[in-house]
N, C-alpha and C. Protein backbone atom coordinates (compact mmCIF):
# COMPACT_ATOMS: atom_id res chain seq x y z
N MET A 1 50.55 14.83 25.78
CA MET A 1 50.38 15.86 24.55
C MET A 1 51.32 16.93 24.74
N ASN A 2 52.04 17.24 23.61
CA ASN A 2 52.83 18.38 23.48
C ASN A 2 51.98 19.69 23.69
N GLN A 3 52.28 20.46 24.59
CA GLN A 3 51.59 21.76 24.79
C GLN A 3 52.06 22.91 23.99
N LYS A 4 53.13 22.74 23.36
CA LYS A 4 53.74 23.92 22.61
C LYS A 4 52.88 24.35 21.37
N SER A 5 52.68 25.60 21.31
CA SER A 5 52.05 26.17 20.26
C SER A 5 53.00 26.46 19.00
N ILE A 6 52.41 26.04 17.90
CA ILE A 6 53.20 26.25 16.65
C ILE A 6 52.40 27.13 15.65
N SER A 7 53.00 28.05 15.10
CA SER A 7 52.33 28.98 14.15
C SER A 7 52.95 28.88 12.76
N ILE A 8 52.19 28.71 11.86
CA ILE A 8 52.63 28.56 10.31
C ILE A 8 52.07 29.52 9.50
N ARG A 9 52.85 30.28 8.67
CA ARG A 9 52.44 31.13 7.81
C ARG A 9 52.76 30.50 6.37
N MET A 10 51.59 30.36 5.48
CA MET A 10 51.87 29.86 4.17
C MET A 10 51.61 30.89 3.14
N SER A 11 52.60 31.03 2.23
CA SER A 11 52.60 32.09 1.28
C SER A 11 52.58 31.46 -0.06
N GLY A 12 51.77 31.82 -0.94
CA GLY A 12 51.85 31.19 -2.27
C GLY A 12 51.02 32.19 -3.26
N LEU A 13 50.68 31.63 -4.54
CA LEU A 13 49.91 32.34 -5.52
C LEU A 13 48.47 31.70 -5.57
N GLY A 14 47.59 32.55 -6.06
CA GLY A 14 46.17 32.17 -6.25
C GLY A 14 46.10 30.85 -7.05
N GLY A 15 45.43 29.86 -6.78
CA GLY A 15 45.30 28.60 -7.55
C GLY A 15 46.32 27.51 -7.10
N GLN A 16 47.02 27.79 -6.14
CA GLN A 16 48.03 26.81 -5.76
C GLN A 16 47.35 25.98 -4.41
N GLY A 17 46.26 26.35 -4.02
CA GLY A 17 45.73 25.65 -2.89
C GLY A 17 46.32 25.94 -1.52
N VAL A 18 46.79 27.22 -1.25
CA VAL A 18 47.29 27.64 -0.08
C VAL A 18 46.30 27.48 1.13
N ILE A 19 45.11 27.95 0.85
CA ILE A 19 44.10 28.02 1.76
C ILE A 19 43.60 26.48 2.08
N THR A 20 43.47 25.77 0.96
CA THR A 20 43.08 24.38 1.20
C THR A 20 44.14 23.59 2.01
N ALA A 21 45.47 23.80 1.91
CA ALA A 21 46.44 23.20 2.69
C ALA A 21 46.34 23.43 4.08
N ALA A 22 46.16 24.72 4.35
CA ALA A 22 45.83 25.26 5.75
C ALA A 22 44.63 24.42 6.44
N HIS A 23 43.54 24.31 5.74
CA HIS A 23 42.44 23.71 6.34
C HIS A 23 42.59 22.21 6.50
N ILE A 24 43.39 21.52 5.75
CA ILE A 24 43.76 20.07 5.83
C ILE A 24 44.66 19.91 7.02
N ILE A 25 45.73 20.72 6.96
CA ILE A 25 46.55 20.55 8.11
C ILE A 25 45.91 20.80 9.48
N GLY A 26 45.18 21.90 9.43
CA GLY A 26 44.44 22.22 10.85
C GLY A 26 43.45 21.06 11.15
N GLY A 27 42.74 20.48 10.05
CA GLY A 27 41.86 19.43 10.45
C GLY A 27 42.64 18.19 10.97
N ALA A 28 43.68 17.85 10.38
CA ALA A 28 44.55 16.81 10.79
C ALA A 28 45.07 16.91 12.25
N ALA A 29 45.39 18.17 12.58
CA ALA A 29 45.85 18.63 14.09
C ALA A 29 44.66 18.30 14.86
N VAL A 30 43.48 18.68 14.61
CA VAL A 30 42.26 18.45 15.45
C VAL A 30 42.07 16.95 15.64
N LEU A 31 42.12 16.15 14.56
CA LEU A 31 41.97 14.64 14.58
C LEU A 31 43.16 14.08 15.55
N ASP A 32 44.29 14.75 15.58
CA ASP A 32 45.34 14.27 16.39
C ASP A 32 45.09 14.52 17.96
N GLY A 33 44.05 15.29 18.15
CA GLY A 33 43.62 15.75 19.64
C GLY A 33 44.27 17.06 20.02
N LYS A 34 44.59 17.83 19.07
CA LYS A 34 45.14 19.14 19.40
C LYS A 34 44.13 20.25 19.11
N PHE A 35 44.30 21.45 19.22
CA PHE A 35 43.60 22.52 18.97
C PHE A 35 44.23 23.29 17.79
N SER A 36 43.36 23.86 16.90
CA SER A 36 43.92 24.54 15.70
C SER A 36 42.94 25.67 15.34
N THR A 37 43.51 26.73 14.77
CA THR A 37 42.70 27.77 14.14
C THR A 37 43.34 28.04 12.72
N VAL A 38 42.46 28.37 11.82
CA VAL A 38 42.96 28.54 10.29
C VAL A 38 42.35 29.93 9.74
N ASN A 39 43.27 30.83 9.31
CA ASN A 39 42.68 32.05 8.77
C ASN A 39 43.32 32.33 7.42
N PRO A 40 42.50 32.46 6.39
CA PRO A 40 43.11 32.79 5.08
C PRO A 40 43.18 34.24 4.83
N PHE A 41 44.11 34.64 4.09
CA PHE A 41 44.22 36.12 3.83
C PHE A 41 44.59 36.37 2.23
N PHE A 42 43.77 36.78 1.51
CA PHE A 42 43.98 37.14 0.10
C PHE A 42 43.36 38.37 -0.28
N GLY A 43 43.80 39.00 -1.37
CA GLY A 43 43.17 40.04 -2.00
C GLY A 43 42.12 39.67 -3.09
N ALA A 44 42.34 40.04 -4.37
CA ALA A 44 41.52 39.61 -5.38
C ALA A 44 41.53 38.13 -5.76
N GLU A 45 40.49 37.47 -5.77
CA GLU A 45 40.45 36.03 -5.92
C GLU A 45 40.73 35.66 -7.32
N LYS A 46 41.89 35.55 -7.67
CA LYS A 46 42.30 35.26 -9.10
C LYS A 46 43.63 34.58 -9.13
N ARG A 47 43.83 33.83 -10.15
CA ARG A 47 45.14 33.01 -10.30
C ARG A 47 46.27 33.94 -10.27
N LEU A 48 47.27 33.29 -9.57
CA LEU A 48 48.67 33.97 -9.58
C LEU A 48 48.73 35.29 -8.68
N ALA A 49 47.61 35.60 -8.03
CA ALA A 49 47.61 36.69 -7.21
C ALA A 49 48.13 36.32 -5.86
N PRO A 50 48.93 37.03 -4.96
CA PRO A 50 49.37 36.53 -3.84
C PRO A 50 48.16 36.02 -2.92
N ALA A 51 48.65 35.03 -2.16
CA ALA A 51 47.57 34.57 -1.20
C ALA A 51 48.38 33.90 0.05
N GLU A 52 47.73 34.04 1.19
CA GLU A 52 48.39 33.60 2.43
C GLU A 52 47.43 32.85 3.27
N SER A 53 47.84 32.00 3.95
CA SER A 53 47.07 31.41 5.12
C SER A 53 47.86 31.19 6.28
N TYR A 54 47.10 31.24 7.54
CA TYR A 54 47.79 31.23 8.77
C TYR A 54 47.22 30.00 9.66
N VAL A 55 48.12 29.23 10.05
CA VAL A 55 47.69 28.08 10.86
C VAL A 55 48.32 28.17 12.34
N ARG A 56 47.44 27.90 13.41
CA ARG A 56 47.89 27.87 14.71
C ARG A 56 47.69 26.49 15.26
N ILE A 57 48.50 25.85 15.85
CA ILE A 57 48.34 24.52 16.39
C ILE A 57 48.94 24.30 17.83
N SER A 58 48.09 23.88 18.68
CA SER A 58 48.56 23.81 20.10
C SER A 58 47.93 22.71 20.79
N GLY A 59 48.64 22.39 21.94
CA GLY A 59 47.88 21.35 22.82
C GLY A 59 46.86 22.03 23.84
N ASN A 60 46.77 23.29 23.70
CA ASN A 60 45.84 24.03 24.60
C ASN A 60 44.92 24.90 23.74
N ASN A 61 43.85 25.40 24.42
CA ASN A 61 42.93 26.28 23.73
C ASN A 61 43.62 27.43 23.03
N ILE A 62 43.19 27.89 21.91
CA ILE A 62 43.93 29.02 21.09
C ILE A 62 42.88 30.07 21.20
N TYR A 63 43.28 31.34 21.58
CA TYR A 63 42.51 32.47 21.60
C TYR A 63 42.84 33.53 20.66
N GLU A 64 44.07 33.43 20.19
CA GLU A 64 44.45 34.38 19.14
C GLU A 64 44.06 34.03 17.84
N ARG A 65 43.58 35.05 17.08
CA ARG A 65 43.10 34.94 15.67
C ARG A 65 43.80 35.81 14.70
N GLY A 66 43.49 35.65 13.44
CA GLY A 66 44.16 36.56 12.43
C GLY A 66 45.58 36.23 11.92
N GLU A 67 46.10 37.40 11.47
CA GLU A 67 47.52 37.32 10.93
C GLU A 67 48.47 36.68 11.83
N ILE A 68 49.42 35.96 11.37
CA ILE A 68 50.61 35.47 12.10
C ILE A 68 51.68 36.35 11.80
N VAL A 69 52.14 37.26 12.78
CA VAL A 69 53.09 38.11 12.64
C VAL A 69 54.52 37.59 12.85
N TYR A 70 54.54 36.68 13.86
CA TYR A 70 55.84 36.04 14.14
C TYR A 70 55.73 34.54 14.04
N PRO A 71 55.85 34.04 12.86
CA PRO A 71 55.66 32.53 12.81
C PRO A 71 56.82 31.62 13.13
N ASP A 72 56.54 30.52 13.59
CA ASP A 72 57.67 29.49 13.78
C ASP A 72 57.98 28.82 12.43
N ILE A 73 57.08 28.82 11.60
CA ILE A 73 57.29 28.10 10.22
C ILE A 73 56.73 28.92 9.11
N ILE A 74 57.43 29.09 8.01
CA ILE A 74 57.08 29.94 6.85
C ILE A 74 56.98 28.85 5.67
N MET A 75 56.04 28.72 5.03
CA MET A 75 56.05 27.74 3.80
C MET A 75 55.82 28.72 2.54
N ILE A 76 56.69 28.60 1.59
CA ILE A 76 56.70 29.30 0.36
C ILE A 76 56.29 28.36 -0.76
N PHE A 77 55.09 28.50 -1.17
CA PHE A 77 54.53 27.58 -2.29
C PHE A 77 55.04 27.73 -3.64
N HIS A 78 55.58 28.91 -4.06
CA HIS A 78 55.99 29.26 -5.39
C HIS A 78 57.28 30.16 -5.22
N PRO A 79 58.37 29.94 -6.00
CA PRO A 79 59.62 30.72 -5.97
C PRO A 79 59.31 32.15 -6.22
N HIS A 80 58.27 32.61 -7.01
CA HIS A 80 58.01 33.96 -7.28
C HIS A 80 57.62 34.80 -6.08
N VAL A 81 57.17 33.99 -5.06
CA VAL A 81 56.84 34.67 -3.81
C VAL A 81 58.19 35.44 -3.24
N ILE A 82 59.29 34.66 -3.46
CA ILE A 82 60.59 35.27 -3.15
C ILE A 82 61.27 36.24 -4.28
N THR A 83 61.35 35.57 -5.45
CA THR A 83 62.13 36.17 -6.53
C THR A 83 61.29 37.40 -7.25
N MET A 84 60.00 37.29 -7.19
CA MET A 84 59.25 38.43 -7.74
C MET A 84 58.46 39.32 -6.75
N GLY A 85 58.76 38.98 -5.34
CA GLY A 85 58.05 39.82 -4.27
C GLY A 85 56.56 39.57 -4.35
N LYS A 86 56.03 38.52 -4.73
CA LYS A 86 54.55 38.23 -4.69
C LYS A 86 54.15 37.70 -3.32
N CYS A 87 54.42 38.61 -2.29
CA CYS A 87 54.06 38.17 -1.01
C CYS A 87 53.55 39.39 -0.28
N TYR A 88 52.56 39.16 0.71
CA TYR A 88 52.12 40.33 1.50
C TYR A 88 53.06 40.71 2.61
N THR A 89 53.96 39.76 2.89
CA THR A 89 54.93 40.12 4.02
C THR A 89 56.43 40.22 3.40
N MET A 90 56.87 41.34 3.34
CA MET A 90 58.30 41.60 2.87
C MET A 90 59.23 42.01 3.86
N PRO A 91 60.45 41.42 3.86
CA PRO A 91 60.87 40.29 3.03
C PRO A 91 60.12 39.08 3.42
N PHE A 92 60.18 38.01 2.62
CA PHE A 92 59.41 36.84 2.89
C PHE A 92 59.54 36.17 4.13
N TYR A 93 60.65 36.43 4.88
CA TYR A 93 60.91 35.83 6.17
C TYR A 93 60.68 36.70 7.30
N ASP A 94 60.07 37.94 7.08
CA ASP A 94 59.86 38.91 8.08
C ASP A 94 59.09 38.24 9.29
N GLY A 95 59.55 38.41 10.55
CA GLY A 95 58.88 37.98 11.60
C GLY A 95 59.25 36.55 12.12
N LEU A 96 60.03 35.92 11.36
CA LEU A 96 60.32 34.56 11.59
C LEU A 96 61.13 34.41 12.95
N LYS A 97 60.69 33.54 13.75
CA LYS A 97 61.30 33.39 15.09
C LYS A 97 62.71 32.88 14.96
N SER A 98 63.49 32.97 16.04
CA SER A 98 64.81 32.41 16.03
C SER A 98 64.75 30.94 15.93
N ASN A 99 65.70 30.37 15.07
CA ASN A 99 65.68 28.91 14.89
C ASN A 99 64.39 28.50 14.11
N GLY A 100 63.53 29.38 13.46
CA GLY A 100 62.52 29.07 12.78
C GLY A 100 62.75 28.25 11.45
N ILE A 101 61.78 27.64 10.79
CA ILE A 101 61.65 26.84 9.62
C ILE A 101 61.19 27.65 8.45
N VAL A 102 61.98 27.53 7.21
CA VAL A 102 61.35 27.98 6.01
C VAL A 102 61.32 26.80 5.02
N ILE A 103 60.30 26.54 4.45
CA ILE A 103 60.18 25.42 3.50
C ILE A 103 59.82 26.11 2.16
N ILE A 104 60.62 25.88 1.11
CA ILE A 104 60.41 26.39 -0.25
C ILE A 104 60.19 25.46 -1.34
N ASN A 105 59.20 25.64 -2.15
CA ASN A 105 58.89 24.90 -3.38
C ASN A 105 59.81 25.39 -4.42
N ALA A 106 60.91 24.60 -4.66
CA ALA A 106 61.82 24.94 -5.78
C ALA A 106 62.63 23.82 -6.18
N GLU A 107 63.12 23.71 -7.44
CA GLU A 107 63.89 22.71 -7.85
C GLU A 107 65.31 22.63 -7.39
N ALA A 108 65.66 23.87 -7.02
CA ALA A 108 67.15 24.10 -6.55
C ALA A 108 67.17 25.17 -5.54
N ALA A 109 68.15 25.38 -4.79
CA ALA A 109 68.38 26.51 -3.83
C ALA A 109 68.28 27.79 -4.49
N LEU A 110 67.53 28.74 -4.12
CA LEU A 110 67.33 29.94 -4.70
C LEU A 110 68.68 30.88 -4.36
N ASP A 111 68.94 31.88 -5.19
CA ASP A 111 69.93 32.72 -5.00
C ASP A 111 69.60 33.99 -4.14
N PHE A 112 69.65 33.79 -2.84
CA PHE A 112 69.19 34.86 -1.96
C PHE A 112 70.25 36.07 -2.14
N THR A 113 69.69 37.35 -1.78
CA THR A 113 70.68 38.43 -1.77
C THR A 113 71.63 38.26 -0.51
N ASP A 114 72.70 38.98 -0.56
CA ASP A 114 73.59 38.90 0.53
C ASP A 114 72.86 39.38 1.85
N GLU A 115 72.01 40.43 1.85
CA GLU A 115 71.30 40.89 2.90
C GLU A 115 70.33 39.81 3.50
N ASP A 116 69.65 39.11 2.61
CA ASP A 116 68.82 38.02 3.05
C ASP A 116 69.57 36.97 3.65
N LYS A 117 70.76 36.62 3.14
CA LYS A 117 71.59 35.47 3.79
C LYS A 117 71.99 36.04 5.17
N ARG A 118 72.39 37.32 5.41
CA ARG A 118 72.84 37.81 6.57
C ARG A 118 71.76 37.61 7.60
N ASN A 119 70.51 38.12 7.13
CA ASN A 119 69.30 38.21 8.01
C ASN A 119 68.88 36.76 8.47
N LEU A 120 68.94 35.85 7.52
CA LEU A 120 68.40 34.48 7.77
C LEU A 120 69.43 33.79 8.72
N SER A 121 70.73 34.11 8.55
CA SER A 121 71.87 33.58 9.45
C SER A 121 71.74 34.14 10.88
N LYS A 122 71.42 35.35 10.90
CA LYS A 122 71.34 36.17 12.22
C LYS A 122 70.21 35.54 13.05
N ILE A 123 69.05 35.11 12.44
CA ILE A 123 68.04 34.43 13.30
C ILE A 123 68.10 32.84 13.34
N LYS A 124 69.20 32.50 12.69
CA LYS A 124 69.50 31.00 12.76
C LYS A 124 68.27 30.27 11.90
N ALA A 125 67.77 30.74 10.82
CA ALA A 125 66.84 30.09 10.16
C ALA A 125 67.29 28.60 9.64
N ASN A 126 66.35 27.73 9.54
CA ASN A 126 66.44 26.47 8.99
C ASN A 126 65.80 26.42 7.68
N VAL A 127 66.45 26.42 6.48
CA VAL A 127 65.90 26.47 5.24
C VAL A 127 65.78 25.07 4.49
N PHE A 128 64.66 24.70 4.08
CA PHE A 128 64.56 23.42 3.41
C PHE A 128 63.88 23.78 2.12
N TYR A 129 64.25 22.84 1.07
CA TYR A 129 63.71 22.88 -0.24
C TYR A 129 63.13 21.64 -0.70
N VAL A 130 61.92 21.67 -1.38
CA VAL A 130 61.31 20.50 -1.89
C VAL A 130 60.83 20.71 -3.35
N PRO A 131 61.04 19.93 -4.35
CA PRO A 131 60.48 20.21 -5.64
C PRO A 131 59.04 19.84 -5.74
N ALA A 132 58.18 20.53 -5.09
CA ALA A 132 56.84 20.23 -4.88
C ALA A 132 55.99 20.14 -6.15
N THR A 133 56.38 21.10 -7.16
CA THR A 133 55.70 21.12 -8.41
C THR A 133 55.93 19.78 -9.22
N SER A 134 57.24 19.46 -9.25
CA SER A 134 57.66 18.23 -9.97
C SER A 134 57.02 17.13 -9.29
N ILE A 135 57.01 17.01 -8.08
CA ILE A 135 56.47 15.77 -7.34
C ILE A 135 55.00 15.62 -7.77
N ALA A 136 54.22 16.95 -7.71
CA ALA A 136 52.80 16.81 -8.04
C ALA A 136 52.55 16.31 -9.50
N LEU A 137 53.33 16.85 -10.49
CA LEU A 137 53.17 16.46 -11.83
C LEU A 137 53.61 15.07 -12.01
N ASP A 138 54.53 14.54 -11.47
CA ASP A 138 54.99 13.13 -11.59
C ASP A 138 54.15 12.17 -10.97
N VAL A 139 53.64 12.41 -9.90
CA VAL A 139 52.83 11.36 -9.09
C VAL A 139 51.39 11.46 -9.33
N ALA A 140 50.84 12.80 -9.29
CA ALA A 140 49.35 12.97 -9.34
C ALA A 140 49.00 13.31 -10.75
N LYS A 141 50.04 13.77 -11.56
CA LYS A 141 49.71 14.21 -12.91
C LYS A 141 48.98 15.53 -13.01
N THR A 142 49.01 16.28 -12.00
CA THR A 142 48.31 17.65 -11.84
C THR A 142 48.93 18.60 -10.96
N GLU A 143 49.31 19.82 -11.49
CA GLU A 143 49.79 20.88 -10.69
C GLU A 143 48.92 21.21 -9.45
N LEU A 144 47.71 20.76 -9.65
CA LEU A 144 46.94 21.13 -8.48
C LEU A 144 47.19 20.55 -7.12
N SER A 145 48.11 19.45 -7.20
CA SER A 145 48.61 18.66 -6.05
C SER A 145 49.82 19.36 -5.31
N VAL A 146 50.33 20.58 -5.82
CA VAL A 146 51.45 21.09 -5.30
C VAL A 146 51.33 21.30 -3.68
N ASN A 147 50.03 21.64 -3.39
CA ASN A 147 49.78 21.90 -1.99
C ASN A 147 49.96 20.71 -1.17
N MET A 148 49.69 19.60 -1.86
CA MET A 148 49.92 18.24 -1.12
C MET A 148 51.33 17.95 -0.82
N ALA A 149 52.22 18.18 -1.90
CA ALA A 149 53.67 18.03 -1.64
C ALA A 149 54.13 18.98 -0.61
N MET A 150 53.63 20.20 -0.51
CA MET A 150 54.05 21.12 0.56
C MET A 150 53.72 20.53 1.81
N MET A 151 52.47 19.99 1.89
CA MET A 151 52.07 19.50 3.29
C MET A 151 53.15 18.24 3.67
N GLY A 152 53.38 17.45 2.62
CA GLY A 152 54.29 16.31 2.87
C GLY A 152 55.59 16.84 3.42
N ALA A 153 56.17 17.93 2.78
CA ALA A 153 57.41 18.50 3.30
C ALA A 153 57.33 18.90 4.70
N LEU A 154 56.18 19.63 5.05
CA LEU A 154 55.89 20.00 6.26
C LEU A 154 55.97 18.89 7.40
N VAL A 155 55.31 17.82 7.09
CA VAL A 155 55.18 16.68 7.96
C VAL A 155 56.67 16.05 8.06
N GLY A 156 57.32 16.05 6.86
CA GLY A 156 58.66 15.36 6.93
C GLY A 156 59.70 16.13 7.67
N VAL A 157 59.64 17.47 7.93
CA VAL A 157 60.50 18.29 8.64
C VAL A 157 60.02 18.22 9.98
N THR A 158 58.78 18.45 10.40
CA THR A 158 58.37 18.69 11.75
C THR A 158 57.54 17.58 12.49
N LYS A 159 56.98 16.71 11.66
CA LYS A 159 55.97 15.72 12.25
C LYS A 159 54.96 16.26 13.00
N ILE A 160 54.48 17.47 12.47
CA ILE A 160 53.43 18.31 13.19
C ILE A 160 52.16 17.69 13.25
N VAL A 161 51.80 16.81 12.37
CA VAL A 161 50.50 16.04 12.42
C VAL A 161 50.88 14.57 12.00
N SER A 162 50.02 13.64 12.26
CA SER A 162 50.30 12.28 12.03
C SER A 162 49.82 12.01 10.43
N MET A 163 50.51 11.11 9.79
CA MET A 163 50.14 10.84 8.41
C MET A 163 48.73 10.24 8.34
N GLY A 164 48.37 9.38 9.36
CA GLY A 164 46.96 8.87 9.33
C GLY A 164 45.98 9.84 9.34
N ASN A 165 46.03 10.89 10.27
CA ASN A 165 44.95 11.91 10.31
C ASN A 165 45.13 13.01 9.29
N LEU A 166 46.35 13.06 8.69
CA LEU A 166 46.44 13.88 7.46
C LEU A 166 45.56 13.22 6.40
N LYS A 167 45.58 11.93 6.29
CA LYS A 167 44.73 11.28 5.15
C LYS A 167 43.29 11.51 5.57
N GLU A 168 43.00 11.28 6.79
CA GLU A 168 41.52 11.40 7.23
C GLU A 168 40.99 12.94 6.97
N SER A 169 41.88 13.87 7.21
CA SER A 169 41.44 15.18 7.01
C SER A 169 41.31 15.51 5.51
N LEU A 170 42.23 14.90 4.66
CA LEU A 170 42.08 14.87 3.15
C LEU A 170 40.71 14.34 2.78
N LYS A 171 40.31 13.21 3.37
CA LYS A 171 39.02 12.53 3.11
C LYS A 171 37.88 13.49 3.41
N GLU A 172 38.02 14.15 4.52
CA GLU A 172 36.95 14.99 4.89
C GLU A 172 36.86 16.21 4.06
N ARG A 173 37.88 16.73 3.46
CA ARG A 173 37.82 17.94 2.56
C ARG A 173 37.27 17.50 1.29
N PHE A 174 37.69 16.32 0.80
CA PHE A 174 37.18 16.10 -0.48
C PHE A 174 36.05 14.92 -0.67
N GLY A 175 35.52 14.71 0.55
CA GLY A 175 34.40 13.71 0.56
C GLY A 175 33.19 14.21 0.04
N LYS A 176 32.03 13.60 0.31
CA LYS A 176 30.66 13.87 -0.31
C LYS A 176 30.20 15.30 0.16
N LYS A 177 30.60 15.68 1.39
CA LYS A 177 30.05 17.00 1.86
C LYS A 177 30.97 18.09 1.25
N LYS A 178 30.18 19.14 0.65
CA LYS A 178 30.99 20.15 -0.04
C LYS A 178 31.48 21.09 0.85
N PHE A 179 32.83 21.50 0.80
CA PHE A 179 33.56 22.48 1.58
C PHE A 179 33.59 23.82 0.84
N ILE A 180 33.27 24.79 1.51
CA ILE A 180 33.30 26.18 0.81
C ILE A 180 33.97 27.11 1.69
N ALA A 181 35.21 27.55 1.32
CA ALA A 181 35.88 28.58 2.15
C ALA A 181 35.59 29.86 1.31
N SER A 182 35.64 29.80 -0.05
CA SER A 182 35.41 30.97 -0.83
C SER A 182 34.94 30.31 -2.33
N ALA A 183 34.51 31.28 -3.18
CA ALA A 183 34.01 30.68 -4.51
C ALA A 183 35.32 29.96 -5.09
N THR A 184 36.51 30.58 -5.00
CA THR A 184 37.73 30.07 -5.77
C THR A 184 38.11 28.89 -5.22
N THR A 185 38.17 28.64 -3.90
CA THR A 185 38.52 27.38 -3.32
C THR A 185 37.60 26.31 -3.67
N ALA A 186 36.35 26.50 -3.69
CA ALA A 186 35.25 25.61 -4.00
C ALA A 186 35.53 25.20 -5.54
N ALA A 187 35.79 26.10 -6.37
CA ALA A 187 36.17 25.77 -7.78
C ALA A 187 37.34 24.90 -7.89
N LEU A 188 38.24 25.20 -7.06
CA LEU A 188 39.50 24.42 -7.08
C LEU A 188 39.44 23.08 -6.62
N ASP A 189 38.58 22.87 -5.51
CA ASP A 189 38.11 21.52 -5.06
C ASP A 189 37.56 20.76 -6.23
N ASP A 190 36.63 21.48 -6.98
CA ASP A 190 35.95 20.58 -7.95
C ASP A 190 36.86 20.39 -9.16
N ALA A 191 37.85 21.24 -9.44
CA ALA A 191 38.88 21.02 -10.60
C ALA A 191 39.74 19.71 -10.05
N MET A 192 40.18 19.67 -8.81
CA MET A 192 40.82 18.67 -8.38
C MET A 192 40.11 17.17 -8.46
N LYS A 193 38.91 17.24 -7.96
CA LYS A 193 37.93 15.96 -8.10
C LYS A 193 37.83 15.64 -9.66
N SER A 194 37.87 16.59 -10.41
CA SER A 194 37.65 16.24 -12.03
C SER A 194 38.83 15.54 -12.54
N LYS A 195 39.94 15.53 -11.87
CA LYS A 195 41.17 15.00 -12.29
C LYS A 195 41.27 13.37 -11.99
N PHE A 196 40.27 13.05 -11.18
CA PHE A 196 40.30 11.53 -10.73
C PHE A 196 38.86 11.02 -10.91
N ALA A 197 38.84 9.67 -11.34
CA ALA A 197 37.63 8.98 -11.56
C ALA A 197 36.85 8.78 -10.20
N LYS A 198 37.55 8.60 -9.26
CA LYS A 198 36.85 8.36 -7.89
C LYS A 198 37.47 9.17 -6.74
N THR A 199 36.70 9.55 -5.74
CA THR A 199 37.28 10.14 -4.62
C THR A 199 38.46 9.34 -4.13
N GLU A 200 38.31 8.10 -3.87
CA GLU A 200 39.27 7.11 -3.38
C GLU A 200 40.69 7.25 -4.07
N GLN A 201 40.55 7.46 -5.53
CA GLN A 201 41.77 7.50 -6.27
C GLN A 201 42.34 8.85 -5.98
N LEU A 202 41.60 10.00 -5.77
CA LEU A 202 42.13 11.23 -5.41
C LEU A 202 42.91 11.23 -4.15
N ILE A 203 42.31 10.46 -3.18
CA ILE A 203 42.93 10.38 -1.84
C ILE A 203 44.32 9.67 -1.77
N GLU A 204 44.21 8.55 -2.49
CA GLU A 204 45.47 7.72 -2.63
C GLU A 204 46.69 8.29 -3.41
N LYS A 205 46.14 8.96 -4.61
CA LYS A 205 47.28 9.66 -5.35
C LYS A 205 47.91 10.86 -4.63
N ASN A 206 47.07 11.53 -3.99
CA ASN A 206 47.52 12.77 -3.28
C ASN A 206 48.27 12.30 -2.00
N MET A 207 47.96 11.18 -1.33
CA MET A 207 48.80 10.73 -0.26
C MET A 207 50.09 10.19 -0.76
N ASP A 208 50.13 9.70 -1.91
CA ASP A 208 51.37 9.20 -2.54
C ASP A 208 52.42 10.60 -2.78
N VAL A 209 51.74 11.67 -3.22
CA VAL A 209 52.34 12.87 -3.42
C VAL A 209 52.97 13.27 -1.99
N VAL A 210 52.18 13.17 -0.93
CA VAL A 210 52.63 13.56 0.40
C VAL A 210 53.86 12.90 0.87
N LYS A 211 53.73 11.43 0.73
CA LYS A 211 54.86 10.60 0.96
C LYS A 211 55.95 10.89 0.30
N LYS A 212 55.97 11.17 -0.97
CA LYS A 212 57.21 11.36 -1.80
C LYS A 212 57.93 12.59 -1.26
N ALA A 213 57.05 13.73 -1.05
CA ALA A 213 57.65 14.92 -0.45
C ALA A 213 58.19 14.68 0.77
N VAL A 214 57.74 13.91 1.71
CA VAL A 214 58.34 13.53 2.95
C VAL A 214 59.86 13.10 2.67
N ASP A 215 59.98 12.29 1.71
CA ASP A 215 61.22 11.69 1.43
C ASP A 215 62.28 12.64 0.81
N MET A 216 61.63 13.64 -0.04
CA MET A 216 62.57 14.49 -0.92
C MET A 216 62.77 15.93 -0.26
N VAL A 217 62.28 16.34 0.88
CA VAL A 217 62.50 17.59 1.27
C VAL A 217 63.93 17.55 1.95
N LYS A 218 64.65 18.57 1.61
CA LYS A 218 66.12 18.54 2.05
C LYS A 218 66.51 19.94 2.67
N LYS A 219 67.22 19.89 3.65
CA LYS A 219 67.71 21.08 4.31
C LYS A 219 68.99 21.61 3.68
N THR A 220 69.18 23.01 3.55
CA THR A 220 70.27 23.38 2.71
C THR A 220 70.93 24.51 3.64
N ALA A 221 72.24 24.79 3.23
CA ALA A 221 72.95 25.82 4.04
C ALA A 221 72.54 27.16 3.45
N ILE A 222 72.51 28.30 4.27
CA ILE A 222 72.05 29.52 3.75
C ILE A 222 73.15 30.18 3.02
């Protein structure tokens, strides 16, 4: 088993399933035989407000909790996190470790400032883009699956969890037992379920989203 600890900071907007994604990835890691902790962080529970989640994954017991200040991986679920500063951590890459990974949901590379380019180059950041919103709409026919595409991009870049156990974690999240992290996440889960006739269809369509994102995530020069 790989004993290395990996820390992930997920930044997005309310309603994008940032918290749900963190729980599914964390659950998949546990099913893979690793240890994981998940901590959500958000202010007002409303659509389009900034939201963050922190995921730690390790081959050993994890004793640290709370905010991840120095992440190995940063996931940006919406371009506005960067372009409009809708982020609790500014700049969006603050604290990223040397040779760290940034995965951004955008149709094309964003126009970083010269300062951001210098800083990202200085820490040798690896920047990836995936058109997560387009993938979600094309495959699952709902923007609620953006987080599934982002998880696919994460797996495609890092292989951090197995595809089989990602699917099992997805089943656990949307199965018969109701999962409640907050009132808003529970409502989003119900909204997701309402988009599909059966839970099996929800699982399969969203795994299709994951797989397409694995294939479409691309690294770009800073």
